Amino acid sequence: MSKNTKPYILRALYDWAIDSGYTPHIVVWVNEKTQVPMQYVRDNEIVLNIGPTAARNLMIDDEWVNFAARFNGVSHDIWIPVGHVSSIFARESGEGMGFDVEPLTDENSSNQPVSNSADETDATDQSTHHTLATSSNKKGLKIVK
């Protein structure tokens, strides 16, 4: 059984954005398995700043994207199934990659560990817009420009 490449690609593009001086953002499809402040969700989607000043203790493992963040001054623990990330991109350039959403179901879910509170800048970026190119290199991967 081969491992899912998505968390590896997310970590690599996150590192690329930070190393390039950019602010990494993710677009997340939200359902009941996603733990985010629901007041910032629009059309079952939220855009989150996952840069070091906004996302405290960021962890992207094989199943979850987890971090602590402040939204309008209130600390929240954020839990996102890796399959719910639809894109990662650099806010400044728009460069990144899009993905097919793979909804987490009860059959393939695992328990969420507990994380710490946050003391960083707000993680939402309501002004961010992104578009996905129609071409793709592999099934489920699209270039974001």
Protein backbone atom coordinates (compact mmCIF):
# COMPACT_ATOMS: atom_id res chain seq x y z
CA MET A 1 0.00 0.00 0.00
CA SER A 2 1.49 3.34 -1.01
CA LYS A 3 1.20 6.48 1.08
CA ASN A 4 -0.82 9.50 0.05
CA THR A 5 1.46 12.12 -1.54
CA LYS A 6 -0.72 15.10 -0.57
CA PRO A 7 0.75 15.76 2.92
CA TYR A 8 4.27 15.57 1.48
CA ILE A 9 3.37 18.08 -1.24
CA LEU A 10 1.68 20.38 1.30
CA ARG A 11 4.81 20.36 3.49
CA ALA A 12 7.08 20.96 0.49
CA LEU A 13 5.04 23.90 -0.82
CA TYR A 14 4.80 25.34 2.69
CA ASP A 15 8.62 25.20 2.96
CA TRP A 16 8.99 26.71 -0.52
CA ALA A 17 6.69 29.62 0.38
CA ILE A 18 8.51 30.35 3.66
CA ASP A 19 11.95 30.03 2.05
CA SER A 20 10.81 32.44 -0.70
CA GLY A 21 9.61 35.03 1.82
CA TYR A 22 5.94 34.40 0.98
CA THR A 23 2.94 33.84 3.25
CA PRO A 24 1.47 30.34 2.75
CA HIS A 25 -2.31 30.03 2.72
CA ILE A 26 -4.55 27.01 2.38
CA VAL A 27 -8.07 26.74 1.06
CA VAL A 28 -10.11 24.21 3.00
CA TRP A 29 -13.41 22.48 2.27
CA VAL A 30 -15.37 22.51 5.52
CA ASN A 31 -17.80 19.95 6.90
CA GLU A 32 -18.54 18.50 10.35
CA LYS A 33 -15.11 16.78 10.43
CA THR A 34 -13.30 20.14 10.07
CA GLN A 35 -12.65 22.18 13.22
CA VAL A 36 -12.45 25.85 12.26
CA PRO A 37 -14.36 28.95 13.46
CA MET A 38 -17.56 28.53 11.46
CA GLN A 39 -18.32 32.28 11.32
CA TYR A 40 -15.45 32.63 8.81
CA VAL A 41 -16.64 29.84 6.51
CA ARG A 42 -18.24 30.91 3.22
CA ASP A 43 -19.84 28.37 0.87
CA ASN A 44 -18.28 25.48 2.85
CA GLU A 45 -14.80 26.96 2.31
CA ILE A 46 -12.30 28.89 4.39
CA VAL A 47 -8.96 30.46 3.45
CA LEU A 48 -6.37 30.24 6.21
CA ASN A 49 -2.99 31.88 6.65
CA ILE A 50 -0.66 29.09 7.83
CA GLY A 51 2.46 31.25 7.99
CA PRO A 52 4.57 31.18 11.18
CA THR A 53 3.11 34.41 12.57
CA ALA A 54 -0.49 33.20 12.16
CA ALA A 55 -0.35 29.43 12.76
CA ARG A 56 1.25 28.36 16.03
CA ASN A 57 2.64 24.82 16.33
CA LEU A 58 1.68 23.96 12.75
CA MET A 59 1.74 20.22 12.10
CA ILE A 60 1.01 18.65 8.74
CA ASP A 61 1.02 14.89 9.25
CA ASP A 62 -0.33 12.12 7.03
CA GLU A 63 -3.94 12.68 8.16
CA TRP A 64 -4.35 16.14 9.72
CA VAL A 65 -3.32 19.77 9.40
CA ASN A 66 -3.34 21.11 12.94
CA PHE A 67 -2.38 24.44 14.49
CA ALA A 68 -3.51 27.07 16.95
CA ALA A 69 -4.58 30.46 15.63
CA ARG A 70 -6.29 33.66 16.65
CA PHE A 71 -9.44 34.81 14.90
CA ASN A 72 -10.54 38.32 15.78
CA GLY A 73 -8.41 38.05 18.93
CA VAL A 74 -9.88 34.70 20.08
CA SER A 75 -7.64 31.62 20.20
CA HIS A 76 -8.81 28.45 18.39
CA ASP A 77 -7.39 24.98 17.85
CA ILE A 78 -7.69 24.20 14.14
CA TRP A 79 -8.07 20.63 12.84
CA ILE A 80 -8.30 19.99 9.11
CA PRO A 81 -8.29 16.56 7.50
CA VAL A 82 -5.51 16.59 4.87
CA GLY A 83 -8.07 15.46 2.29
CA HIS A 84 -10.08 18.65 2.88
CA VAL A 85 -7.27 20.95 1.71
CA SER A 86 -8.20 22.05 -1.82
CA SER A 87 -5.14 24.25 -2.41
CA ILE A 88 -2.03 25.78 -0.94
CA PHE A 89 -0.62 29.00 -2.35
CA ALA A 90 1.60 31.99 -1.64
CA ARG A 91 -0.51 35.07 -0.89
CA GLU A 92 1.96 37.44 -2.53
CA SER A 93 2.40 35.62 -5.85
CA GLY A 94 -0.65 33.34 -6.08
CA GLU A 95 1.66 30.43 -6.96
CA GLY A 96 0.83 27.06 -5.48
CA MET A 97 -1.11 23.90 -6.18
CA GLY A 98 -4.71 22.73 -6.08
CA PHE A 99 -5.98 19.31 -5.08
CA ASP A 100 -9.11 17.23 -5.32
CA VAL A 101 -11.05 17.23 -2.06
CA GLU A 102 -11.16 13.81 -0.41
CA PRO A 103 -13.87 14.03 2.29
CA LEU A 104 -13.06 12.38 5.60
CA THR A 105 -15.60 9.73 6.51
CA ASP A 106 -16.19 7.81 9.74
CA GLU A 107 -14.51 4.79 8.15
CA ASN A 108 -11.22 6.57 7.48
CA SER A 109 -11.10 9.01 10.41
CA SER A 110 -8.78 8.88 13.39
CA ASN A 111 -8.86 10.66 16.72
CA GLN A 112 -7.65 14.22 16.95
CA PRO A 113 -4.88 14.87 19.49
CA VAL A 114 -5.11 17.87 21.81
CA SER A 115 -3.10 20.99 20.97
CA ASN A 116 -2.15 24.24 22.72
CA SER A 117 -3.70 27.72 22.54
CA ALA A 118 -2.43 30.45 20.24
CA ASP A 119 -0.84 33.87 20.69
CA GLU A 120 -0.27 34.87 17.07
CA THR A 121 -1.82 37.08 14.42
CA ASP A 122 -5.16 36.24 12.82
CA ALA A 123 -5.14 33.25 10.47
CA THR A 124 -8.02 34.20 8.19
CA ASP A 125 -7.45 36.18 5.04
CA GLN A 126 -10.81 37.24 3.67
CA SER A 127 -9.21 39.31 0.87
CA THR A 128 -7.35 36.38 -0.71
CA HIS A 129 -8.57 35.19 -4.08
CA HIS A 130 -7.23 32.26 -6.06
CA THR A 131 -7.95 30.54 -9.31
CA LEU A 132 -7.12 27.03 -10.40
CA ALA A 133 -5.71 26.41 -13.85
CA THR A 134 -7.61 23.90 -15.95
CA SER A 135 -4.52 21.89 -16.81
CA SER A 136 -3.17 19.31 -14.41
CA ASN A 137 -0.06 17.19 -14.33
CA LYS A 138 -1.55 14.27 -12.40
CA LYS A 139 -5.00 13.26 -11.26
CA GLY A 140 -5.93 15.43 -8.29
CA LEU A 141 -3.14 17.97 -8.73
CA LYS A 142 -3.67 21.34 -10.36
CA ILE A 143 -1.37 24.31 -10.67
CA VAL A 144 -2.59 27.43 -8.86
CA LYS A 145 -1.57 30.71 -10.44
